[in-house]
Amino acid sequence: MLKTCTFAIMHFSVAFTVAYLLTGSLLVGGLIALVEPAVNTVGYVIHEWLWQQHSSAKPQPNAFGA
Protein backbone atom coordinates (compact mmCIF):
# COMPACT_ATOMS: atom_id res chain seq x y z
CA MET A 1 0.00 0.00 0.00
CA LEU A 2 2.87 2.38 0.77
CA LYS A 3 4.29 1.81 -2.72
CA THR A 4 0.91 2.69 -4.26
CA CYS A 5 0.67 5.88 -2.21
CA THR A 6 4.18 7.02 -3.05
CA PHE A 7 3.56 6.30 -6.75
CA ALA A 8 0.34 8.34 -6.63
CA ILE A 9 2.20 11.25 -5.05
CA MET A 10 4.92 11.02 -7.70
CA HIS A 11 2.32 10.84 -10.50
CA PHE A 12 0.48 13.89 -9.13
CA SER A 13 3.76 15.80 -8.76
CA VAL A 14 4.93 15.05 -12.28
CA ALA A 15 1.53 15.91 -13.82
CA PHE A 16 1.34 19.15 -11.84
CA THR A 17 4.91 20.18 -12.64
CA VAL A 18 4.60 19.53 -16.37
CA ALA A 19 1.24 21.32 -16.60
CA TYR A 20 2.49 24.24 -14.54
CA LEU A 21 5.65 24.61 -16.63
CA LEU A 22 3.64 24.52 -19.85
CA THR A 23 0.92 26.93 -18.73
CA GLY A 24 2.38 28.98 -15.88
CA SER A 25 -0.90 28.53 -14.02
CA LEU A 26 -1.22 26.93 -10.59
CA LEU A 27 -4.94 26.37 -11.21
CA VAL A 28 -4.45 24.63 -14.55
CA GLY A 29 -1.54 22.64 -13.16
CA GLY A 30 -3.67 21.48 -10.22
CA LEU A 31 -6.67 20.61 -12.37
CA ILE A 32 -4.61 18.61 -14.81
CA ALA A 33 -2.81 16.84 -11.96
CA LEU A 34 -6.19 15.76 -10.57
CA VAL A 35 -7.98 14.95 -13.83
CA GLU A 36 -5.18 13.21 -15.74
CA PRO A 37 -4.74 10.28 -13.31
CA ALA A 38 -8.51 9.68 -13.30
CA VAL A 39 -8.67 9.64 -17.10
CA ASN A 40 -5.54 7.50 -17.24
CA THR A 41 -7.14 4.98 -14.86
CA VAL A 42 -10.20 4.66 -17.12
CA GLY A 43 -7.91 4.27 -20.13
CA TYR A 44 -5.99 1.53 -18.33
CA VAL A 45 -9.19 -0.40 -17.58
CA ILE A 46 -10.26 -0.16 -21.23
CA HIS A 47 -6.79 -1.22 -22.38
CA GLU A 48 -6.83 -4.25 -20.07
CA TRP A 49 -10.30 -5.25 -21.30
CA LEU A 50 -9.24 -4.96 -24.95
CA TRP A 51 -6.01 -6.85 -24.24
CA GLN A 52 -7.99 -9.64 -22.56
CA GLN A 53 -10.36 -9.80 -25.54
CA HIS A 54 -7.40 -10.05 -27.89
CA SER A 55 -5.63 -12.67 -25.77
CA SER A 56 -8.68 -14.89 -25.53
CA ALA A 57 -9.35 -14.74 -29.28
CA LYS A 58 -8.82 -18.00 -31.14
CA PRO A 59 -5.35 -18.04 -32.73
CA GLN A 60 -5.35 -17.88 -36.53
CA PRO A 61 -3.32 -20.53 -38.37
CA ASN A 62 -0.17 -19.24 -40.03
CA ALA A 63 0.95 -19.93 -43.60
CA PHE A 64 2.29 -23.35 -42.56
CA GLY A 65 -1.00 -24.50 -41.04
CA ALA A 66 0.36 -24.55 -37.49
C-alpha atoms as a PDB file:
ATOM      1  CA  MET A   1       0.000   0.000   0.000  1.00  0.00           C
ATOM      2  CA  LEU A   2       2.874   2.376   0.768  1.00  0.00           C
ATOM      3  CA  LYS A   3       4.293   1.805  -2.722  1.00  0.00           C
ATOM      4  CA  THR A   4       0.909   2.688  -4.257  1.00  0.00           C
ATOM      5  CA  CYS A   5       0.667   5.882  -2.207  1.00  0.00           C
ATOM      6  CA  THR A   6       4.181   7.020  -3.055  1.00  0.00           C
ATOM      7  CA  PHE A   7       3.560   6.302  -6.751  1.00  0.00           C
ATOM      8  CA  ALA A   8       0.336   8.338  -6.629  1.00  0.00           C
ATOM      9  CA  ILE A   9       2.203  11.253  -5.048  1.00  0.00           C
ATOM     10  CA  MET A  10       4.921  11.021  -7.700  1.00  0.00           C
ATOM     11  CA  HIS A  11       2.324  10.842 -10.496  1.00  0.00           C
ATOM     12  CA  PHE A  12       0.480  13.889  -9.128  1.00  0.00           C
ATOM     13  CA  SER A  13       3.759  15.797  -8.757  1.00  0.00           C
ATOM     14  CA  VAL A  14       4.925  15.046 -12.282  1.00  0.00           C
ATOM     15  CA  ALA A  15       1.535  15.906 -13.821  1.00  0.00           C
ATOM     16  CA  PHE A  16       1.342  19.146 -11.838  1.00  0.00           C
ATOM     17  CA  THR A  17       4.912  20.179 -12.641  1.00  0.00           C
ATOM     18  CA  VAL A  18       4.601  19.529 -16.371  1.00  0.00           C
ATOM     19  CA  ALA A  19       1.236  21.316 -16.604  1.00  0.00           C
ATOM     20  CA  TYR A  20       2.488  24.240 -14.542  1.00  0.00           C
ATOM     21  CA  LEU A  21       5.649  24.609 -16.626  1.00  0.00           C
ATOM     22  CA  LEU A  22       3.638  24.520 -19.850  1.00  0.00           C
ATOM     23  CA  THR A  23       0.921  26.934 -18.726  1.00  0.00           C
ATOM     24  CA  GLY A  24       2.380  28.983 -15.876  1.00  0.00           C
ATOM     25  CA  SER A  25      -0.903  28.533 -14.024  1.00  0.00           C
ATOM     26  CA  LEU A  26      -1.218  26.929 -10.595  1.00  0.00           C
ATOM     27  CA  LEU A  27      -4.942  26.374 -11.208  1.00  0.00           C
ATOM     28  CA  VAL A  28      -4.454  24.631 -14.548  1.00  0.00           C
ATOM     29  CA  GLY A  29      -1.540  22.636 -13.157  1.00  0.00           C
ATOM     30  CA  GLY A  30      -3.668  21.481 -10.225  1.00  0.00           C
ATOM     31  CA  LEU A  31      -6.669  20.608 -12.374  1.00  0.00           C
ATOM     32  CA  ILE A  32      -4.605  18.605 -14.815  1.00  0.00           C
ATOM     33  CA  ALA A  33      -2.812  16.844 -11.959  1.00  0.00           C
ATOM     34  CA  LEU A  34      -6.189  15.762 -10.568  1.00  0.00           C
ATOM     35  CA  VAL A  35      -7.984  14.947 -13.826  1.00  0.00           C
ATOM     36  CA  GLU A  36      -5.181  13.211 -15.736  1.00  0.00           C
ATOM     37  CA  PRO A  37      -4.743  10.285 -13.308  1.00  0.00           C
ATOM     38  CA  ALA A  38      -8.512   9.684 -13.298  1.00  0.00           C
ATOM     39  CA  VAL A  39      -8.673   9.641 -17.098  1.00  0.00           C
ATOM     40  CA  ASN A  40      -5.538   7.497 -17.245  1.00  0.00           C
ATOM     41  CA  THR A  41      -7.141   4.984 -14.862  1.00  0.00           C
ATOM     42  CA  VAL A  42     -10.203   4.657 -17.123  1.00  0.00           C
ATOM     43  CA  GLY A  43      -7.907   4.270 -20.134  1.00  0.00           C
ATOM     44  CA  TYR A  44      -5.993   1.535 -18.328  1.00  0.00           C
ATOM     45  CA  VAL A  45      -9.193  -0.405 -17.579  1.00  0.00           C
ATOM     46  CA  ILE A  46     -10.262  -0.164 -21.226  1.00  0.00           C
ATOM     47  CA  HIS A  47      -6.789  -1.222 -22.384  1.00  0.00           C
ATOM     48  CA  GLU A  48      -6.830  -4.246 -20.071  1.00  0.00           C
ATOM     49  CA  TRP A  49     -10.301  -5.249 -21.296  1.00  0.00           C
ATOM     50  CA  LEU A  50      -9.237  -4.962 -24.946  1.00  0.00           C
ATOM     51  CA  TRP A  51      -6.015  -6.849 -24.236  1.00  0.00           C
ATOM     52  CA  GLN A  52      -7.993  -9.639 -22.561  1.00  0.00           C
ATOM     53  CA  GLN A  53     -10.360  -9.799 -25.539  1.00  0.00           C
ATOM     54  CA  HIS A  54      -7.400 -10.047 -27.893  1.00  0.00           C
ATOM     55  CA  SER A  55      -5.626 -12.672 -25.767  1.00  0.00           C
ATOM     56  CA  SER A  56      -8.683 -14.889 -25.530  1.00  0.00           C
ATOM     57  CA  ALA A  57      -9.348 -14.741 -29.278  1.00  0.00           C
ATOM     58  CA  LYS A  58      -8.820 -18.002 -31.141  1.00  0.00           C
ATOM     59  CA  PRO A  59      -5.347 -18.036 -32.733  1.00  0.00           C
ATOM     60  CA  GLN A  60      -5.349 -17.879 -36.526  1.00  0.00           C
ATOM     61  CA  PRO A  61      -3.325 -20.528 -38.369  1.00  0.00           C
ATOM     62  CA  ASN A  62      -0.171 -19.241 -40.029  1.00  0.00           C
ATOM     63  CA  ALA A  63       0.953 -19.927 -43.596  1.00  0.00           C
ATOM     64  CA  PHE A  64       2.287 -23.353 -42.559  1.00  0.00           C
ATOM     65  CA  GLY A  65      -0.998 -24.497 -41.043  1.00  0.00           C
ATOM     66  CA  ALA A  66       0.357 -24.552 -37.490  1.00  0.00           C
END
